[in-house]
Each structure stands twice: as C-alpha cells, then as structure tokens.
Amino acid sequence: MIATPYLLAMATVLGLATTQSIDPSTVPKSLRDTWCSNQKTACPLICLQLPNTTDTPKSNTCNSNTLDYSCVCSNGQVPNATEYSQTIPYYECQEFQNQCVTNCNGASSCQSACRDDHPCGATNPTRVNTSTITTMAATGTATGASGSDVVYTGLGDASSSTPGAAPGLATALNSGYVYGLTVMVGGFLAGFTYIL
C-alpha cells in the first residue's frame, strides 16, 4: 500500500501540472476564488463516483493565488479532474480557450481551432460507479457519429443509449405520461358532460 504523504505529494504535483496552461495572474482574483470554491465543492462529489470511497476526501485544498489544488479521495485515489466540470483543470482549459480566441484578432479559423483543438471536460467519460447495475445485463449499445461515442440519457430501456441501465425505467415514465393524459382527458370529458 502506498503511503498517504506520497499520495498527497503526487496530488499536488498533478495539480501543479495542470496549472501550467495559463498564468493565474491573468485571471481576476475574484474569479480564481470562485474557481477554487467550486473545485473544493466538486472534489467530494467526484470522489463519490469512485468505488469504495466516501464524500469526505483525505485532501481537498485549492490555492486561488496559484490555482494549485489537491483532491485525494478517502480510498487514496486521485480522480482525473480533467474529466469533470467545475474543477480547476476545466476552468483553466476554458480560460486558455478564451485567451487563445482573443489572440486570434478576429480570424475565425484561428478562433475555431482554439476551441476545437483544446476541448474542455471529458470527451469520453468513464462511468465508474456502477454498483447499482452490476447484476443487470446491457440492454443495448449506441454509437455516435464517430462510431464509439456513447450518450448516457439516464433512461433504461432498449431504445435509450444507456448500456447496463435498469430496464423498464423509460417504460415506467411513458406509462406515467399515458396515465396523466388519461386523467386529463377524463377530467375534460367529465366537465363537458356536467355542462350539458
């Protein structure tokens, strides 16, 4: 097992590595304070996505002067913060894009390249917390335009794009819609009959 001080040092180095994309002094202090607040709020939520962990991280810090941060979950894992929004890497990526666009001086192809060549957030997120669906078989697969992108809709029947989700959820929702429509039409007809 790896010692905790080693993990904390590794998390700090990872945080430092991600802050090299922009100069923190080019971002207003109040905005950096907000970024750090959001990073510290996101860390426990991100940790809940990992197996065998709680929402109380071993380390959850952020320095708004340098944008150095640390997020070490209770199980000792350091989540990949670049795959989530509301994190320092995400905000730095967006700021990098904004600065790049500004430096293009209005050239649209340059501005497009700034955004397209440097995507922010997860381009292919990993779904790691699947404990509630481990015994269920996949109900279908879906691919996007590139042939490998999966869109997670949260609904779980064969028509949705959620492999391994609880089957029947979409059917239950559709039944609710039908029931609601039936009650509404019945109420309308009852009111119409009452008037006659």
Foldseek 3Di string as FASTA:
>chain_A
DDDLVVLQVVQQVVLLVLLPLDALVVDDLVVLVQLLVLQLVCLLVVLVQAPPFHSDFPAFGADSNRRGTGRATPVRDGDDCQQDPSHSSQVSLVVSLVVQLVVVVPDVVSNVCSDPVRPGHRPADDRHPCVVQPVPFFQEADADPVRNHFDDDQADHNVHHHTRHDHPRVVVVVVVVVVVVVVVVVVVVVVVVVVD
